[in-house]
């Protein structure tokens, strides 16, 4: 009887412990889920802002061109001539996911290109003709119908193709330079209101300036992009030491043409901060890819797990443990290329009106990656900031863009911070950014320009020594500085 009683107590104790262990994370995620249901803040009439939510600005007007191609071209050309005569400035916008006012000019005209979004695929050449306002979340399903996919894009589909090219984005696509390498040609309306063709052969200098030119040289009408076949991939994830990231990455990917996508994530939880990474690679399978369809991606759970890590050490530790814990479940699963690329920022974006999510990105030559990790591991905890995520992406040398950030093969460190919307938090973030830029430049790296304008002008010119000539050429092609934004206002004048 004594043994039975003791055994029952043991079972009861184990049951209680399990309940406690399960109850806390379940309760935490449930609380996060219901707390998260706040509406996004409205933008008032006569103002605009971008994804930073920190630069709401009064503007003159918003102009949306016709969906009819010829009519829209006439409208845009006329708008440029009108602005030239009146002294008004024009900023060009798509999805407005930059964060430093790159699509905003105070009291200026905002040209919203999202309606200019037609698509025509030439399957014989694997070329997509696409209006600059088209969003990737429309392009991917369109290409999917033909068994095709995007060559290079960001990791999310919420952006416009014109904005992506203007920021010269990059992604998880292995052995790839930025998106500029996939642009065959483009049509531009210049500062005189003229439509001109730009490519590596025709108007070559202007072509290189427009790619990664943040809308300062004219309005991109449409582009011809290289596309690739959609494929079925098998995912393979592994946990590694972050300091060994490049070694492990090259072990898996070097001379392996079977890998289509690859990226890594470094842990940000306080326990062993930035000591581990999860390396994910996607290997091409022989199976024919299935068509895109609506399916359960567990987005509500994934969002609760991610948003629960904001301002919570417990949430960060829970998230990293769970992400490592599901590796064995995920490994071997199959996904199509289009399925992987076709997810929006909305799944994880911040909706708390008192906070905003701020991106940084630093491009580090591969030989300096371990040193950069070691330094930022010590720097970031010194500041009152909330780091939510660090993703690593390999980027090959960019030979197409004038204001290029990949002067050699680099690894992009994409950092996402949760920031309070007040001056103190902005000041803290500014100080951190300047220190991180200093470290990146000291290692012969650079930083990404579409984000908050915290870099000093001296830092910007040190990271991008070609910027002085870039801005001088801007004034050559656009003497009245009709195409303008906060980025140019800060660094170009």
Protein backbone atom coordinates (compact mmCIF):
# COMPACT_ATOMS: atom_id res chain seq x y z
CA UNK A 1 0.00 0.00 0.00
CA UNK A 2 2.85 2.34 0.83
CA UNK A 3 4.39 1.75 -2.65
CA UNK A 4 1.06 2.41 -4.34
CA UNK A 5 0.56 5.62 -2.41
CA UNK A 6 4.07 6.85 -3.22
CA UNK A 7 3.66 5.94 -6.90
CA UNK A 8 0.34 7.82 -7.08
CA UNK A 9 1.96 10.85 -5.47
CA UNK A 10 4.79 10.67 -7.97
CA UNK A 11 2.39 10.53 -10.90
CA UNK A 12 0.36 13.41 -9.46
CA UNK A 13 3.51 15.49 -8.92
CA UNK A 14 4.68 14.87 -12.49
CA UNK A 15 1.22 15.79 -13.77
CA UNK A 16 1.19 19.04 -11.78
CA UNK A 17 4.69 19.94 -13.03
CA UNK A 18 3.64 19.28 -16.63
CA UNK A 19 0.53 21.40 -16.20
CA UNK A 20 2.64 24.24 -14.80
CA UNK A 21 5.20 23.93 -17.60
CA UNK A 22 2.51 23.92 -20.27
CA UNK A 23 0.18 26.43 -18.60
CA UNK A 24 2.66 29.31 -18.53
CA UNK A 25 3.58 29.35 -22.24
CA UNK A 26 -0.02 28.65 -23.27
CA UNK A 27 -1.27 31.44 -21.03
CA UNK A 28 1.47 33.78 -22.22
CA UNK A 29 0.72 33.19 -25.91
CA UNK A 30 -3.04 33.43 -25.35
CA UNK A 31 -2.59 36.75 -23.57
CA UNK A 32 -0.33 38.00 -26.40
CA UNK A 33 -2.88 36.95 -29.00
CA UNK A 34 -5.76 38.88 -27.44
CA UNK A 35 -3.65 41.90 -26.46
CA UNK A 36 -2.46 42.15 -30.07
CA UNK A 37 -5.90 42.95 -31.49
CA UNK A 38 -5.41 46.72 -31.70
CA UNK A 39 -6.26 48.64 -34.87
CA UNK A 40 -3.52 50.35 -36.84
CA UNK A 41 -3.25 54.10 -36.46
CA UNK A 42 -5.00 56.20 -39.10
CA UNK A 43 -3.19 58.66 -41.35
CA UNK A 44 -4.94 62.02 -41.52
CA UNK A 45 -5.95 63.67 -44.79
CA UNK A 46 -3.22 65.93 -46.16
CA UNK A 47 -0.45 63.91 -44.52
CA UNK A 48 1.55 60.80 -45.28
CA UNK A 49 4.05 58.57 -43.49
CA UNK A 50 6.06 55.43 -44.15
CA UNK A 51 6.63 52.13 -42.36
CA UNK A 52 8.62 53.74 -39.53
CA UNK A 53 5.45 55.41 -38.17
CA UNK A 54 7.78 58.16 -36.95
CA UNK A 55 7.64 60.72 -39.76
CA UNK A 56 4.05 61.73 -40.46
CA UNK A 57 4.46 64.71 -42.79
CA UNK A 58 2.18 67.34 -44.28
CA UNK A 59 2.16 67.15 -48.07
CA UNK A 60 0.66 69.18 -50.90
CA UNK A 61 -1.28 66.37 -52.57
CA UNK A 62 -1.36 62.71 -53.54
CA UNK A 63 -1.58 61.88 -57.25
CA UNK A 64 -2.63 58.42 -58.44
CA UNK A 65 -2.21 57.87 -62.19
CA UNK A 66 -4.74 56.06 -64.36
CA UNK A 67 -4.57 52.30 -64.81
CA UNK A 68 -4.56 52.92 -68.57
CA UNK A 69 -0.92 52.92 -69.64
CA UNK A 70 -0.93 55.71 -72.24
CA UNK A 71 -3.20 57.93 -70.18
CA UNK A 72 -1.05 57.44 -67.07
CA UNK A 73 2.13 58.29 -68.95
CA UNK A 74 0.54 61.53 -70.15
CA UNK A 75 -0.62 62.36 -66.61
CA UNK A 76 2.82 61.74 -65.08
CA UNK A 77 4.62 63.68 -67.80
CA UNK A 78 2.22 66.59 -67.33
CA UNK A 79 2.65 66.47 -63.56
CA UNK A 80 6.43 66.72 -63.89
CA UNK A 81 6.18 69.71 -66.23
CA UNK A 82 3.68 71.37 -63.91
CA UNK A 83 5.97 70.80 -60.91
CA UNK A 84 8.89 72.18 -62.87
CA UNK A 85 6.98 75.35 -63.64
CA UNK A 86 5.64 75.84 -60.10
CA UNK A 87 8.73 74.82 -58.14
CA UNK A 88 6.97 71.90 -56.45
CA UNK A 89 8.83 68.72 -55.52
CA UNK A 90 7.70 65.17 -56.35
CA UNK A 91 8.33 62.11 -54.22
CA UNK A 92 7.52 58.69 -55.64
CA UNK A 93 5.81 55.99 -53.59
CA UNK A 94 4.74 52.39 -53.87
CA UNK A 95 4.03 50.43 -50.69
CA UNK A 96 6.05 52.96 -48.63
CA UNK A 97 8.02 50.39 -46.68
CA UNK A 98 11.17 52.50 -46.47
CA UNK A 99 11.65 54.17 -43.08
CA UNK A 100 13.55 57.41 -43.62
CA UNK A 101 11.16 59.52 -45.65
CA UNK A 102 12.46 58.18 -48.97
CA UNK A 103 8.92 58.53 -50.38
CA UNK A 104 8.11 61.82 -48.62
CA UNK A 105 8.90 65.49 -49.15
CA UNK A 106 7.37 68.22 -46.92
CA UNK A 107 4.61 70.07 -48.78
CA UNK A 108 5.53 68.11 -51.88
CA UNK A 109 3.47 66.06 -54.32
CA UNK A 110 3.33 62.34 -53.58
CA UNK A 111 3.05 60.27 -56.76
CA UNK A 112 1.43 56.98 -55.73
CA UNK A 113 2.28 54.41 -58.42
CA UNK A 114 0.41 51.39 -57.04
CA UNK A 115 -2.30 51.57 -59.72
CA UNK A 116 0.35 51.26 -62.46
CA UNK A 117 0.61 47.50 -62.03
CA UNK A 118 0.15 45.55 -65.28
CA UNK A 119 2.03 42.29 -65.97
CA UNK A 120 2.94 40.49 -69.21
CA UNK A 121 5.05 37.31 -69.17
CA UNK A 122 7.17 36.19 -72.11
CA UNK A 123 7.64 32.49 -71.38
CA UNK A 124 9.99 31.99 -74.35
CA UNK A 125 12.49 34.47 -72.87
CA UNK A 126 11.63 34.07 -69.17
CA UNK A 127 11.02 37.82 -69.00
CA UNK A 128 8.30 39.64 -67.07
CA UNK A 129 7.19 43.11 -68.19
CA UNK A 130 5.69 44.68 -65.08
CA UNK A 131 4.39 48.10 -64.07
CA UNK A 132 6.43 49.63 -61.26
CA UNK A 133 3.46 49.85 -58.90
CA UNK A 134 2.75 46.09 -58.91
CA UNK A 135 3.15 44.40 -55.53
CA UNK A 136 4.99 41.11 -55.21
CA UNK A 137 1.86 39.57 -53.65
CA UNK A 138 0.23 39.96 -57.09
CA UNK A 139 3.33 39.12 -59.14
CA UNK A 140 4.00 35.78 -57.43
CA UNK A 141 0.50 34.30 -58.00
CA UNK A 142 0.59 35.60 -61.58
CA UNK A 143 3.90 33.85 -62.29
CA UNK A 144 2.72 30.75 -60.44
CA UNK A 145 0.07 30.16 -63.10
CA UNK A 146 2.88 29.64 -65.63
CA UNK A 147 5.18 27.61 -63.39
CA UNK A 148 7.51 30.58 -62.95
CA UNK A 149 8.88 32.46 -59.95
CA UNK A 150 10.70 35.66 -59.00
CA UNK A 151 14.50 35.57 -59.42
CA UNK A 152 15.41 37.90 -56.53
CA UNK A 153 13.19 39.74 -54.06
CA UNK A 154 12.91 40.45 -50.35
CA UNK A 155 11.75 37.77 -47.93
CA UNK A 156 8.21 39.24 -47.94
CA UNK A 157 5.71 40.03 -50.67
CA UNK A 158 4.24 43.31 -49.39
CA UNK A 159 6.46 45.64 -51.42
CA UNK A 160 6.16 47.16 -54.89
CA UNK A 161 8.55 46.14 -57.65
CA UNK A 162 9.45 49.79 -58.31
CA UNK A 163 10.23 50.33 -54.63
CA UNK A 164 12.26 47.13 -54.47
CA UNK A 165 14.36 48.17 -57.47
CA UNK A 166 14.73 51.75 -56.18
CA UNK A 167 16.12 50.37 -52.91
CA UNK A 168 17.99 47.58 -54.75
CA UNK A 169 16.69 44.88 -52.42
CA UNK A 170 18.11 41.40 -51.96
CA UNK A 171 16.78 38.19 -50.47
CA UNK A 172 17.36 34.52 -49.61
CA UNK A 173 18.18 33.52 -53.18
CA UNK A 174 21.50 31.69 -53.08
CA UNK A 175 24.52 32.87 -55.11
CA UNK A 176 22.66 36.02 -56.14
CA UNK A 177 23.58 39.69 -56.30
CA UNK A 178 20.77 42.16 -55.42
CA UNK A 179 17.63 42.57 -57.55
CA UNK A 180 19.47 44.97 -59.89
CA UNK A 181 21.09 41.91 -61.51
CA UNK A 182 17.65 40.68 -62.64
CA UNK A 183 16.56 43.94 -64.30
CA UNK A 184 16.95 43.65 -68.08
CA UNK A 185 15.70 47.15 -68.88
CA UNK A 186 13.30 49.81 -67.67
CA UNK A 187 11.34 52.79 -68.93
CA UNK A 188 11.78 56.07 -67.08
CA UNK A 189 10.08 59.45 -67.23
CA UNK A 190 12.87 61.93 -66.62
CA UNK A 191 12.90 65.47 -65.21
CA UNK A 192 11.82 66.88 -68.60
CA UNK A 193 8.75 64.64 -68.70
CA UNK A 194 10.27 62.48 -71.45
CA UNK A 195 9.96 58.69 -71.63
CA UNK A 196 13.37 57.07 -72.11
CA UNK A 197 14.62 53.49 -72.18
CA UNK A 198 17.43 52.47 -69.84
CA UNK A 199 19.49 49.27 -69.84
CA UNK A 200 23.09 48.06 -69.71
CA UNK A 201 23.37 49.17 -73.36
CA UNK A 202 21.04 52.18 -73.63
CA UNK A 203 21.48 55.13 -71.22
CA UNK A 204 23.77 52.90 -69.20
CA UNK A 205 24.84 55.49 -66.61
CA UNK A 206 21.27 56.51 -65.86
CA UNK A 207 20.29 52.83 -65.62
CA UNK A 208 22.89 52.28 -62.89
CA UNK A 209 21.78 55.43 -61.04
CA UNK A 210 18.08 54.51 -61.08
CA UNK A 211 18.79 51.03 -59.66
CA UNK A 212 19.11 51.78 -55.96
CA UNK A 213 18.50 55.46 -56.69
CA UNK A 214 15.51 55.98 -54.34
CA UNK A 215 13.38 57.75 -56.92
CA UNK A 216 15.77 60.67 -57.38
CA UNK A 217 16.29 60.36 -61.15
CA UNK A 218 12.78 59.97 -62.49
CA UNK A 219 9.63 57.88 -62.39
CA UNK A 220 10.10 54.20 -63.23
CA UNK A 221 7.18 53.24 -65.46
CA UNK A 222 7.82 49.58 -66.03
CA UNK A 223 10.61 47.03 -66.04
CA UNK A 224 11.62 43.82 -67.74
CA UNK A 225 12.74 41.31 -65.13
CA UNK A 226 14.36 37.89 -65.44
CA UNK A 227 12.20 35.14 -63.96
CA UNK A 228 13.05 31.54 -63.06
CA UNK A 229 11.20 28.24 -62.81
CA UNK A 230 9.11 27.59 -59.74
CA UNK A 231 10.48 24.56 -57.87
CA UNK A 232 9.70 22.22 -55.01
CA UNK A 233 12.15 22.55 -52.13
CA UNK A 234 12.92 20.39 -49.11
CA UNK A 235 13.89 22.33 -46.01
CA UNK A 236 16.94 21.47 -43.93
CA UNK A 237 17.60 23.37 -40.68
CA UNK A 238 20.44 23.04 -38.20
CA UNK A 239 21.54 24.80 -35.01
CA UNK A 240 25.11 26.09 -35.14
CA UNK A 241 27.39 28.44 -33.22
CA UNK A 242 26.90 31.94 -34.60
CA UNK A 243 30.66 32.56 -34.75
CA UNK A 244 30.92 29.59 -37.14
CA UNK A 245 28.13 30.83 -39.41
CA UNK A 246 30.20 31.45 -42.55
CA UNK A 247 32.10 28.16 -42.18
CA UNK A 248 28.88 26.17 -41.78
CA UNK A 249 27.13 28.14 -44.53
CA UNK A 250 29.90 27.41 -47.02
CA UNK A 251 30.06 23.74 -46.03
CA UNK A 252 26.41 23.37 -47.01
CA UNK A 253 26.21 25.69 -49.99
CA UNK A 254 29.58 25.80 -51.73
CA UNK A 255 29.44 24.05 -55.11
CA UNK A 256 25.92 22.81 -54.31
CA UNK A 257 23.67 23.84 -57.20
CA UNK A 258 20.82 21.92 -55.61
CA UNK A 259 20.21 24.66 -53.03
CA UNK A 260 17.81 27.40 -54.09
CA UNK A 261 17.32 29.46 -50.94
CA UNK A 262 19.42 29.88 -47.80
CA UNK A 263 19.42 32.15 -44.76
CA UNK A 264 20.23 32.16 -41.07
CA UNK A 265 18.89 33.63 -37.86
CA UNK A 266 20.86 34.46 -34.73
CA UNK A 267 19.25 34.09 -31.31
CA UNK A 268 18.34 37.33 -29.52
CA UNK A 269 17.11 35.80 -26.27
CA UNK A 270 18.98 36.98 -23.15
CA UNK A 271 20.13 33.44 -22.33
CA UNK A 272 23.37 33.10 -24.33
CA UNK A 273 22.66 36.24 -26.38
CA UNK A 274 23.73 35.86 -30.03
CA UNK A 275 25.69 32.67 -29.39
CA UNK A 276 23.58 30.37 -31.59
CA UNK A 277 22.09 30.50 -35.06
CA UNK A 278 19.61 28.44 -37.05
CA UNK A 279 20.81 27.90 -40.61
CA UNK A 280 18.04 27.09 -43.10
CA UNK A 281 18.62 25.81 -46.61
CA UNK A 282 16.08 24.75 -49.23
CA UNK A 283 17.11 21.93 -51.56
CA UNK A 284 15.46 21.45 -54.95
CA UNK A 285 13.42 18.24 -55.32
CA UNK A 286 12.37 16.42 -58.46
CA UNK A 287 8.65 16.70 -57.69
CA UNK A 288 6.69 19.09 -59.88
CA UNK A 289 5.64 22.11 -57.80
CA UNK A 290 1.99 22.35 -56.85
CA UNK A 291 -0.03 25.50 -57.58
CA UNK A 292 -0.41 28.16 -54.90
CA UNK A 293 -3.53 27.72 -52.80
CA UNK A 294 -5.01 28.99 -49.57
CA UNK A 295 -3.66 26.84 -46.79
CA UNK A 296 -3.11 26.97 -43.06
CA UNK A 297 0.29 28.51 -42.31
CA UNK A 298 -0.37 28.74 -38.56
CA UNK A 299 0.09 32.48 -38.89
CA UNK A 300 -1.91 33.31 -35.74
CA UNK A 301 0.31 31.09 -33.58
CA UNK A 302 3.52 32.25 -35.29
CA UNK A 303 2.48 35.88 -34.84
CA UNK A 304 1.66 35.41 -31.16
CA UNK A 305 5.01 33.70 -30.60
CA UNK A 306 6.88 36.50 -32.40
CA UNK A 307 4.98 39.47 -30.94
CA UNK A 308 5.18 37.89 -27.51
CA UNK A 309 8.95 38.36 -27.66
CA UNK A 310 8.59 42.16 -27.78
CA UNK A 311 9.69 43.72 -24.49
CA UNK A 312 9.74 40.30 -22.83
CA UNK A 313 12.80 38.24 -21.90
CA UNK A 314 10.50 35.32 -21.16
CA UNK A 315 8.92 35.69 -24.59
CA UNK A 316 12.32 35.76 -26.31
CA UNK A 317 13.54 32.67 -24.45
CA UNK A 318 10.27 30.83 -25.17
CA UNK A 319 10.42 31.71 -28.85
CA UNK A 320 14.01 30.51 -29.32
CA UNK A 321 13.35 27.25 -27.45
CA UNK A 322 10.26 26.56 -29.56
CA UNK A 323 12.00 27.44 -32.83
CA UNK A 324 14.84 25.07 -32.02
CA UNK A 325 12.36 22.47 -30.79
CA UNK A 326 10.44 22.25 -34.07
CA UNK A 327 13.51 21.76 -36.28
CA UNK A 328 13.10 18.00 -36.29
CA UNK A 329 9.45 18.42 -37.27
CA UNK A 330 10.22 20.89 -40.08
CA UNK A 331 13.22 19.10 -41.55
CA UNK A 332 12.31 17.19 -44.69
CA UNK A 333 9.06 19.11 -45.27
CA UNK A 334 8.44 20.30 -48.82
CA UNK A 335 7.43 23.77 -49.95
CA UNK A 336 7.33 25.41 -53.36
CA UNK A 337 9.52 28.41 -54.05
CA UNK A 338 6.43 30.57 -54.58
CA UNK A 339 4.85 29.37 -51.35
CA UNK A 340 7.97 30.38 -49.40
CA UNK A 341 8.20 33.84 -51.01
CA UNK A 342 4.48 34.60 -50.87
CA UNK A 343 4.10 35.83 -47.30
CA UNK A 344 3.52 39.42 -46.24
CA UNK A 345 5.02 41.52 -43.46
CA UNK A 346 1.48 41.71 -42.05
CA UNK A 347 1.97 38.32 -40.40
CA UNK A 348 4.47 39.76 -37.93
CA UNK A 349 4.18 43.57 -38.16
CA UNK A 350 3.61 45.70 -35.09
CA UNK A 351 0.09 47.06 -34.50
CA UNK A 352 0.72 48.64 -31.08
CA UNK A 353 0.23 52.39 -31.53
CA UNK A 354 2.76 53.16 -28.76
CA UNK A 355 5.56 51.21 -30.43
CA UNK A 356 6.95 50.68 -33.92
CA UNK A 357 9.28 48.15 -35.52
CA UNK A 358 12.51 49.57 -36.93
CA UNK A 359 14.87 47.81 -39.33
CA UNK A 360 18.65 48.08 -39.58
CA UNK A 361 20.91 46.26 -42.00
CA UNK A 362 24.67 45.96 -42.19
CA UNK A 363 26.64 44.36 -45.03
CA UNK A 364 29.82 42.67 -43.84
CA UNK A 365 32.52 40.98 -45.96
CA UNK A 366 32.43 37.27 -45.19
CA UNK A 367 35.90 37.16 -43.61
CA UNK A 368 34.79 39.76 -41.03
CA UNK A 369 31.45 38.19 -40.06
CA UNK A 370 32.72 36.52 -36.83
CA UNK A 371 34.30 39.79 -35.69
CA UNK A 372 31.11 41.75 -36.40
CA UNK A 373 29.04 39.24 -34.41
CA UNK A 374 31.47 39.42 -31.49
CA UNK A 375 31.36 43.22 -31.44
CA UNK A 376 27.60 43.69 -31.75
CA UNK A 377 27.13 41.02 -29.09
CA UNK A 378 28.77 43.47 -26.67
CA UNK A 379 27.43 46.73 -28.11
CA UNK A 380 23.67 46.13 -28.34
CA UNK A 381 23.12 45.25 -24.62
CA UNK A 382 24.64 48.61 -23.67
CA UNK A 383 21.63 50.43 -25.12
CA UNK A 384 18.01 50.57 -24.01
CA UNK A 385 16.69 48.90 -27.15
CA UNK A 386 14.55 45.84 -27.80
CA UNK A 387 16.08 43.59 -30.48
CA UNK A 388 13.50 41.16 -31.89
CA UNK A 389 15.28 39.45 -34.75
CA UNK A 390 18.57 39.08 -36.63
CA UNK A 391 18.53 37.41 -40.05
CA UNK A 392 21.65 36.70 -42.14
CA UNK A 393 21.57 36.67 -45.95
CA UNK A 394 24.39 36.09 -48.37
CA UNK A 395 24.72 38.68 -51.18
CA UNK A 396 27.08 38.39 -54.12
CA UNK A 397 28.94 41.38 -55.61
CA UNK A 398 26.76 44.00 -57.30
CA UNK A 399 28.18 45.18 -60.64
CA UNK A 400 25.07 47.04 -61.81
CA UNK A 401 24.23 49.70 -59.24
CA UNK A 402 26.00 53.03 -58.91
CA UNK A 403 25.28 53.42 -55.18
CA UNK A 404 26.05 49.77 -54.46
CA UNK A 405 26.38 48.23 -51.01
CA UNK A 406 27.78 44.86 -52.11
CA UNK A 407 31.20 45.84 -53.43
CA UNK A 408 32.30 42.26 -52.79
CA UNK A 409 30.55 39.17 -51.46
CA UNK A 410 28.89 40.16 -48.19
CA UNK A 411 26.53 38.87 -45.54
CA UNK A 412 23.61 41.12 -44.72
CA UNK A 413 22.66 41.34 -41.03
CA UNK A 414 18.97 42.31 -40.99
CA UNK A 415 18.02 43.52 -37.52
CA UNK A 416 14.49 44.27 -36.34
CA UNK A 417 14.00 46.41 -33.23
CA UNK A 418 10.80 47.19 -31.34
CA UNK A 419 10.96 50.90 -30.51
CA UNK A 420 8.77 53.15 -28.42
CA UNK A 421 7.39 56.16 -30.30
CA UNK A 422 9.01 58.98 -28.36
CA UNK A 423 12.07 61.24 -28.57
CA UNK A 424 14.06 59.40 -25.90
CA UNK A 425 13.74 56.07 -27.70
CA UNK A 426 14.56 57.69 -31.04
CA UNK A 427 17.67 59.29 -29.55
CA UNK A 428 18.81 55.95 -28.10
CA UNK A 429 18.26 54.22 -31.42
CA UNK A 430 20.15 56.94 -33.27
CA UNK A 431 23.17 56.55 -30.98
CA UNK A 432 23.15 52.76 -31.40
CA UNK A 433 22.84 53.02 -35.18
CA UNK A 434 25.83 55.34 -35.44
CA UNK A 435 27.97 53.02 -33.34
CA UNK A 436 26.96 49.97 -35.41
CA UNK A 437 27.66 51.83 -38.66
CA UNK A 438 31.09 52.72 -37.28
CA UNK A 439 31.82 49.05 -36.61
CA UNK A 440 30.56 47.97 -40.06
CA UNK A 441 32.66 50.59 -41.88
CA UNK A 442 35.75 49.72 -39.81
CA UNK A 443 35.40 46.16 -41.15
CA UNK A 444 35.16 47.44 -44.76
CA UNK A 445 31.41 46.88 -44.75
CA UNK A 446 28.51 49.27 -45.08
CA UNK A 447 24.89 49.76 -44.06
CA UNK A 448 21.56 49.77 -45.93
CA UNK A 449 20.13 53.14 -46.92
CA UNK A 450 16.29 52.65 -46.88
CA UNK A 451 16.00 52.92 -43.12
CA UNK A 452 16.06 55.70 -40.52
CA UNK A 453 18.36 58.60 -41.39
CA UNK A 454 20.49 58.27 -38.25
CA UNK A 455 23.89 58.10 -39.95
CA UNK A 456 25.84 61.35 -39.96
CA UNK A 457 26.64 62.80 -43.36
CA UNK A 458 30.30 61.95 -42.76
CA UNK A 459 29.37 58.32 -42.02
CA UNK A 460 27.21 58.12 -45.12
CA UNK A 461 30.07 59.38 -47.31
CA UNK A 462 32.57 57.05 -45.64
CA UNK A 463 30.31 54.02 -46.19
CA UNK A 464 29.42 55.14 -49.73
CA UNK A 465 32.41 57.13 -51.07
CA UNK A 466 30.72 57.21 -54.49
CA UNK A 467 27.78 59.15 -53.00
CA UNK A 468 29.28 62.59 -53.70
CA UNK A 469 29.37 61.89 -57.43
CA UNK A 470 25.98 60.15 -57.22
CA UNK A 471 24.39 63.34 -55.84
CA UNK A 472 26.26 65.51 -58.35
CA UNK A 473 24.90 63.36 -61.18
CA UNK A 474 21.44 63.69 -59.68
CA UNK A 475 21.67 67.45 -60.14
CA UNK A 476 22.99 66.94 -63.68
CA UNK A 477 19.99 64.83 -64.67
CA UNK A 478 17.53 66.86 -62.54
CA UNK A 479 18.89 70.43 -62.19
CA UNK A 480 15.75 71.75 -60.46
CA UNK A 481 15.74 68.80 -58.05
CA UNK A 482 12.12 68.05 -58.91
CA UNK A 483 12.40 64.47 -57.68
CA UNK A 484 13.06 64.87 -54.02
CA UNK A 485 12.67 63.23 -50.63
CA UNK A 486 13.88 63.34 -47.03
CA UNK A 487 16.86 61.10 -47.82
CA UNK A 488 18.17 63.54 -50.44
CA UNK A 489 17.35 66.51 -48.24
CA UNK A 490 19.49 65.00 -45.47
CA UNK A 491 22.51 63.78 -47.42
CA UNK A 492 22.37 65.18 -50.96
CA UNK A 493 22.49 68.93 -50.50
